[in-house]
C-alpha cells in the first residue's frame, strides 16, 4: 500500500505523466465561454417561456454553472487556465471569481495552504470544518438539516467566509493593492447600474443571486463533503476521495472533473480535462489503485458519509 503522494510519485513518475501537465489556453478559455453561454441561454429561454417548473429547472442548471465557474477559478489558482500568468489571473478573477463574490487573490492563499498542509491543523479547510455541520459520518436527519440550510440560501454566508483567505496566517503575505479593491467595486456597480438603467434589475435577482445562493451552495457543499469526509485508515495526506459519476451528476453536481480528487492532490499541476486520463494511469497498477479511496458513485459517497436512521 502507498501511504503518501510522494510514494505514489515514485511509481508514477513525472516523466510518465508529463503530457498530462500540458496546459492549453484555448481549452481553458472555451471552458469559461461554455459556462457563460449556458447561463445566458438558460436564462433567456426561461424568460421567453416562463413557468415556475421551468424556472426551478433553470435555477438548478444555472446554479450548477456557477459552481463550474468556481471550479474554473480553482484551476486558475493553480495556473491551469493558461500558461500566460497575466491572462490566467485576469480571466480567473473577472469571469469566474468576481461573479461569485469571491476574491481569487484571497482564495489562492487559503487553497495553496490546503494543499501544503492537507487534513492537518495548518489546513484552512480542515480547521474550518470543526463544527457539527462538518462531522462525518453524519446522522441522516442532521444531514437533511444541513442540506436544507444550503438550499435555503442561508449557507451562502458560511461559504463566502470559508472561501476567503483573510484569516490564513502566512508570513509576509502580500497585501492586496488598493486598485484591486476599487476594480471589484466598479465591477459590481457597473453590472448593477447597467441592469437598472435597462429597468431589468430583477433579472439579476432571478438568474444571479437566487441560483448562486441556493443550488450553487448545495452542490458546493456536497462536492466538498465527498472530497475529504469519512475516510478512515489512511494518512492525512491520502484522506481524499475520487468519485466516479454519471453525465447528469457531472453536469449538475460535480463539474470540471473535480471528483477526480486524489488525482488532483497528487498532481495539482494537471488541468481538469486531463484528470480522467491521469486516473486511468494511476489505477492501472492494482496495488496503487487499492491505496486510493475511490467511490463508484455519489450514492456510494452518501452511504459512506450519512448514517441511515434505524
Protein backbone atom coordinates (compact mmCIF):
# COMPACT_ATOMS: atom_id res chain seq x y z
CA UNK A 1 0.00 0.00 0.00
CA UNK A 2 1.13 3.55 -0.79
CA UNK A 3 0.56 5.87 2.17
CA UNK A 4 1.69 9.25 0.80
CA UNK A 5 1.58 11.16 -2.50
CA UNK A 6 5.39 11.05 -2.54
CA UNK A 7 5.28 7.24 -2.52
CA UNK A 8 2.81 7.30 -5.41
CA UNK A 9 5.07 9.62 -7.40
CA UNK A 10 7.95 7.18 -7.06
CA UNK A 11 5.85 4.67 -9.01
CA UNK A 12 4.08 7.07 -11.39
CA UNK A 13 6.99 9.38 -12.09
CA UNK A 14 6.69 12.86 -13.59
CA UNK A 15 8.07 11.64 -16.92
CA UNK A 16 5.22 9.15 -17.09
CA UNK A 17 2.58 11.87 -16.68
CA UNK A 18 4.45 14.78 -18.27
CA UNK A 19 1.96 15.13 -21.13
CA UNK A 20 -0.95 15.38 -18.70
CA UNK A 21 0.54 18.63 -17.35
CA UNK A 22 0.11 20.36 -20.71
CA UNK A 23 -2.00 23.49 -20.09
CA UNK A 24 -3.87 24.65 -23.20
CA UNK A 25 -5.13 28.23 -23.18
CA UNK A 26 -7.80 27.54 -25.81
CA UNK A 27 -9.35 24.78 -23.67
CA UNK A 28 -9.29 26.98 -20.59
CA UNK A 29 -10.96 29.93 -22.33
CA UNK A 30 -13.52 27.76 -24.13
CA UNK A 31 -14.46 26.21 -20.80
CA UNK A 32 -15.35 29.66 -19.43
CA UNK A 33 -17.21 30.65 -22.62
CA UNK A 34 -19.20 27.41 -22.50
CA UNK A 35 -20.40 28.02 -18.96
CA UNK A 36 -21.42 31.63 -19.61
CA UNK A 37 -23.22 30.61 -22.80
CA UNK A 38 -25.22 28.01 -20.86
CA UNK A 39 -26.07 30.55 -18.14
CA UNK A 40 -27.26 33.20 -20.59
CA UNK A 41 -29.07 30.75 -22.88
CA UNK A 42 -30.89 29.11 -19.95
CA UNK A 43 -31.93 32.48 -18.51
CA UNK A 44 -33.15 33.70 -21.92
CA UNK A 45 -35.13 30.52 -22.61
CA UNK A 46 -36.70 30.66 -19.15
CA UNK A 47 -37.74 34.30 -19.62
CA UNK A 48 -39.29 33.64 -23.04
CA UNK A 49 -41.23 30.53 -21.96
CA UNK A 50 -41.56 31.32 -18.27
CA UNK A 51 -43.30 28.95 -15.89
CA UNK A 52 -42.43 28.10 -12.28
CA UNK A 53 -41.40 24.49 -13.03
CA UNK A 54 -39.19 25.80 -15.85
CA UNK A 55 -37.69 28.40 -13.53
CA UNK A 56 -36.83 25.73 -10.94
CA UNK A 57 -35.07 23.73 -13.65
CA UNK A 58 -33.26 26.87 -14.83
CA UNK A 59 -32.23 27.62 -11.24
CA UNK A 60 -30.61 24.19 -10.93
CA UNK A 61 -28.84 24.42 -14.30
CA UNK A 62 -27.59 27.97 -13.73
CA UNK A 63 -26.60 27.25 -10.12
CA UNK A 64 -24.51 24.29 -11.32
CA UNK A 65 -22.87 26.51 -13.93
CA UNK A 66 -21.84 28.99 -11.23
CA UNK A 67 -20.25 26.09 -9.37
CA UNK A 68 -18.42 25.22 -12.60
CA UNK A 69 -17.12 28.80 -12.81
CA UNK A 70 -15.91 28.49 -9.23
CA UNK A 71 -14.06 25.33 -10.14
CA UNK A 72 -12.50 27.04 -13.17
CA UNK A 73 -11.35 29.76 -10.76
CA UNK A 74 -9.81 26.92 -8.75
CA UNK A 75 -7.98 25.90 -11.94
CA UNK A 76 -6.73 29.47 -12.32
CA UNK A 77 -5.34 29.41 -8.76
CA UNK A 78 -3.12 26.53 -9.90
CA UNK A 79 -2.25 28.38 -13.13
CA UNK A 80 -4.19 25.88 -15.24
CA UNK A 81 -6.33 28.15 -17.43
CA UNK A 82 -3.34 29.47 -19.35
CA UNK A 83 0.46 29.36 -19.10
CA UNK A 84 0.28 33.14 -19.54
CA UNK A 85 0.11 34.21 -15.89
CA UNK A 86 -1.46 37.60 -16.60
CA UNK A 87 -4.20 36.15 -18.81
CA UNK A 88 -4.76 33.30 -16.36
CA UNK A 89 -5.29 35.70 -13.44
CA UNK A 90 -7.40 38.26 -15.29
CA UNK A 91 -9.94 35.79 -16.69
CA UNK A 92 -9.97 33.84 -13.45
CA UNK A 93 -10.86 36.95 -11.45
CA UNK A 94 -13.13 38.76 -13.93
CA UNK A 95 -15.18 35.91 -15.36
CA UNK A 96 -15.06 33.30 -12.58
CA UNK A 97 -14.30 34.67 -9.11
CA UNK A 98 -15.91 38.12 -9.03
CA UNK A 99 -19.28 36.94 -10.41
CA UNK A 100 -19.34 34.54 -7.42
CA UNK A 101 -18.49 37.37 -4.96
CA UNK A 102 -15.07 35.81 -4.34
CA UNK A 103 -11.58 37.27 -4.49
CA UNK A 104 -9.28 34.83 -6.27
CA UNK A 105 -6.29 36.53 -4.65
CA UNK A 106 -7.63 35.67 -1.20
CA UNK A 107 -8.79 32.21 -2.19
CA UNK A 108 -5.35 31.39 -3.61
CA UNK A 109 -3.71 31.94 -0.20
CA UNK A 110 -6.17 29.63 1.52
CA UNK A 111 -6.25 26.96 -1.14
CA UNK A 112 -2.50 26.60 -1.56
CA UNK A 113 -2.23 26.21 2.22
CA UNK A 114 -4.88 23.47 1.95
CA UNK A 115 -2.65 21.60 -0.50
CA UNK A 116 0.52 22.15 1.51
CA UNK A 117 -0.94 21.00 4.86
CA UNK A 118 -3.76 18.68 3.79
CA UNK A 119 -6.03 17.50 6.63
CA UNK A 120 -3.87 18.94 9.41
CA UNK A 121 -4.31 21.84 11.83
CA UNK A 122 -2.50 24.08 9.32
CA UNK A 123 -5.03 23.28 6.60
CA UNK A 124 -7.60 26.15 6.49
CA UNK A 125 -10.26 23.84 5.03
CA UNK A 126 -9.69 21.28 7.77
CA UNK A 127 -9.81 23.81 10.62
CA UNK A 128 -12.94 25.41 9.13
CA UNK A 129 -14.79 22.10 9.46
CA UNK A 130 -14.64 21.71 13.23
CA UNK A 131 -18.32 22.35 13.94
CA UNK A 132 -21.02 19.67 13.90
CA UNK A 133 -22.17 20.64 10.39
CA UNK A 134 -18.96 19.11 9.01
CA UNK A 135 -18.57 15.99 11.15
CA UNK A 136 -18.92 12.82 9.05
CA UNK A 137 -20.26 10.20 9.13
CA UNK A 138 -23.34 12.30 9.96
CA UNK A 139 -26.76 11.29 11.20
CA UNK A 140 -29.38 11.29 8.43
CA UNK A 141 -31.65 13.94 9.99
CA UNK A 142 -28.67 16.21 10.63
CA UNK A 143 -27.61 15.80 7.01
CA UNK A 144 -31.10 16.78 5.83
CA UNK A 145 -31.00 19.82 8.10
CA UNK A 146 -27.64 20.94 6.69
CA UNK A 147 -28.87 20.38 3.11
CA UNK A 148 -31.99 22.49 3.71
CA UNK A 149 -29.85 25.31 5.09
CA UNK A 150 -27.74 25.25 1.92
CA UNK A 151 -30.78 25.19 -0.37
CA UNK A 152 -32.46 27.99 1.59
CA UNK A 153 -29.72 30.50 0.79
CA UNK A 154 -28.58 30.93 4.38
CA UNK A 155 -25.49 28.80 3.75
CA UNK A 156 -24.03 31.36 1.35
CA UNK A 157 -22.58 33.37 4.24
CA UNK A 158 -20.62 30.37 5.53
CA UNK A 159 -19.35 29.67 2.02
CA UNK A 160 -18.07 33.20 1.48
CA UNK A 161 -16.29 33.07 4.85
CA UNK A 162 -14.72 29.69 4.12
CA UNK A 163 -13.65 30.70 0.61
CA UNK A 164 -11.84 33.77 1.91
CA UNK A 165 -8.16 33.53 2.80
CA UNK A 166 -8.29 36.57 5.09
CA UNK A 167 -7.80 34.55 8.28
CA UNK A 168 -4.98 32.38 6.95
CA UNK A 169 -1.77 33.23 8.75
CA UNK A 170 1.17 33.26 6.36
CA UNK A 171 4.40 35.11 6.94
CA UNK A 172 4.98 38.02 4.57
CA UNK A 173 1.55 37.59 2.98
CA UNK A 174 1.21 40.04 0.11
CA UNK A 175 -1.13 42.93 0.84
CA UNK A 176 -3.96 43.39 -1.64
CA UNK A 177 -3.38 46.68 -3.52
CA UNK A 178 -5.99 49.45 -3.40
CA UNK A 179 -6.60 49.35 -7.15
CA UNK A 180 -7.75 45.74 -6.87
CA UNK A 181 -10.45 46.67 -4.34
CA UNK A 182 -11.54 49.61 -6.50
CA UNK A 183 -11.80 47.44 -9.61
CA UNK A 184 -14.00 44.93 -7.76
CA UNK A 185 -16.30 47.70 -6.57
CA UNK A 186 -16.53 49.12 -10.10
CA UNK A 187 -17.29 45.62 -11.42
CA UNK A 188 -20.38 45.23 -9.22
CA UNK A 189 -21.50 48.86 -9.52
CA UNK A 190 -21.16 48.67 -13.31
CA UNK A 191 -23.22 45.49 -13.68
CA UNK A 192 -26.00 46.66 -11.35
CA UNK A 193 -26.09 50.11 -12.97
CA UNK A 194 -26.48 48.68 -16.48
CA UNK A 195 -29.37 46.40 -15.49
CA UNK A 196 -31.11 49.15 -13.51
CA UNK A 197 -30.72 51.56 -16.42
CA UNK A 198 -32.43 48.99 -18.65
CA UNK A 199 -35.13 48.52 -15.99
CA UNK A 200 -34.12 44.85 -15.71
CA UNK A 201 -32.74 44.76 -12.18
CA UNK A 202 -34.88 41.77 -11.19
CA UNK A 203 -33.11 39.62 -13.79
CA UNK A 204 -30.03 39.82 -11.56
CA UNK A 205 -32.08 38.57 -8.64
CA UNK A 206 -33.78 35.70 -10.51
CA UNK A 207 -30.79 34.44 -12.50
CA UNK A 208 -27.74 35.51 -10.50
CA UNK A 209 -28.44 35.94 -6.79
CA UNK A 210 -31.03 33.19 -6.22
CA UNK A 211 -29.29 30.36 -8.17
CA UNK A 212 -25.94 31.25 -6.56
CA UNK A 213 -27.40 31.42 -3.05
CA UNK A 214 -29.28 28.12 -3.36
CA UNK A 215 -28.25 25.40 -5.78
CA UNK A 216 -24.64 26.56 -6.07
CA UNK A 217 -24.28 26.39 -2.28
CA UNK A 218 -25.93 22.99 -2.04
CA UNK A 219 -23.80 21.41 -4.76
CA UNK A 220 -20.66 23.08 -3.48
CA UNK A 221 -21.31 21.58 -0.05
CA UNK A 222 -21.98 18.10 -1.47
CA UNK A 223 -18.81 18.02 -3.55
CA UNK A 224 -16.72 19.31 -0.62
CA UNK A 225 -18.14 16.58 1.61
CA UNK A 226 -17.24 13.96 -0.99
CA UNK A 227 -13.66 15.17 -1.35
CA UNK A 228 -12.29 14.54 2.16
CA UNK A 229 -15.00 13.31 4.55
CA UNK A 230 -15.47 9.94 6.27
CA UNK A 231 -12.20 8.42 5.04
CA UNK A 232 -10.65 6.20 7.66
CA UNK A 233 -7.45 4.19 7.91
CA UNK A 234 -5.28 6.44 5.75
CA UNK A 235 -2.61 9.04 6.43
CA UNK A 236 -3.79 12.67 6.43
CA UNK A 237 -2.18 13.17 3.01
CA UNK A 238 -4.24 10.36 1.50
CA UNK A 239 -7.61 11.15 3.10
CA UNK A 240 -9.04 12.15 -0.25
CA UNK A 241 -11.81 10.58 -2.29
CA UNK A 242 -12.17 10.11 -6.04
CA UNK A 243 -15.80 9.66 -7.10
CA UNK A 244 -16.84 8.13 -10.40
CA UNK A 245 -20.12 9.58 -11.64
CA UNK A 246 -22.60 9.78 -14.49
CA UNK A 247 -23.07 12.60 -17.01
CA UNK A 248 -26.02 14.02 -15.06
CA UNK A 249 -24.02 14.13 -11.82
CA UNK A 250 -21.12 15.72 -13.68
CA UNK A 251 -23.42 18.37 -15.20
CA UNK A 252 -25.48 19.26 -12.12
CA UNK A 253 -23.37 18.28 -9.08
CA UNK A 254 -19.67 17.91 -9.79
CA UNK A 255 -18.49 19.62 -12.99
CA UNK A 256 -14.99 20.08 -14.37
CA UNK A 257 -13.76 16.65 -13.21
CA UNK A 258 -13.33 17.92 -9.64
CA UNK A 259 -14.43 14.49 -8.40
CA UNK A 260 -11.05 13.08 -9.51
CA UNK A 261 -9.74 14.50 -6.27
CA UNK A 262 -7.00 12.00 -5.41
CA UNK A 263 -5.50 12.73 -8.80
CA UNK A 264 -5.70 16.48 -8.26
CA UNK A 265 -3.97 16.37 -4.87
CA UNK A 266 -1.20 14.08 -6.02
CA UNK A 267 -0.58 16.06 -9.23
CA UNK A 268 -2.07 19.56 -8.72
CA UNK A 269 -0.40 20.77 -11.92
CA UNK A 270 -2.65 18.65 -14.15
CA UNK A 271 -5.58 20.59 -15.68
CA UNK A 272 -9.07 19.24 -15.14
CA UNK A 273 -9.55 17.99 -18.71
CA UNK A 274 -6.62 15.59 -18.25
CA UNK A 275 -7.65 14.20 -14.84
CA UNK A 276 -9.64 11.23 -16.27
CA UNK A 277 -6.54 10.12 -18.21
CA UNK A 278 -4.43 10.52 -15.07
CA UNK A 279 -6.98 8.43 -13.17
CA UNK A 280 -6.59 5.63 -15.70
CA UNK A 281 -2.82 5.81 -15.33
CA UNK A 282 -2.94 5.61 -11.53
CA UNK A 283 -5.47 2.78 -11.42
CA UNK A 284 -3.60 0.71 -14.00
CA UNK A 285 -1.47 -0.60 -11.11
CA UNK A 286 -3.67 -2.77 -8.81
CA UNK A 287 -1.73 -2.10 -5.61
CA UNK A 288 -1.77 1.63 -6.27
CA UNK A 289 -5.48 1.55 -7.07
CA UNK A 290 -6.11 -0.15 -3.73
CA UNK A 291 -4.25 2.68 -1.97
CA UNK A 292 -6.69 5.30 -3.27
CA UNK A 293 -10.14 5.85 -1.82
CA UNK A 294 -12.46 5.51 -4.82
CA UNK A 295 -16.25 5.63 -4.63
CA UNK A 296 -18.19 4.31 -7.61
CA UNK A 297 -20.97 6.91 -7.43
CA UNK A 298 -22.32 9.75 -5.33
CA UNK A 299 -24.87 7.30 -3.95
CA UNK A 300 -21.90 5.33 -2.61
CA UNK A 301 -20.48 8.52 -1.08
CA UNK A 302 -23.85 9.12 0.58
CA UNK A 303 -23.75 5.63 2.12
CA UNK A 304 -20.24 6.26 3.45
CA UNK A 305 -20.92 9.73 4.84
CA UNK A 306 -24.51 9.54 6.12
CA UNK A 307 -25.80 7.20 8.82
CA UNK A 308 -29.24 5.89 7.95
CA UNK A 309 -31.92 6.05 10.66
CA UNK A 310 -32.86 2.75 12.25
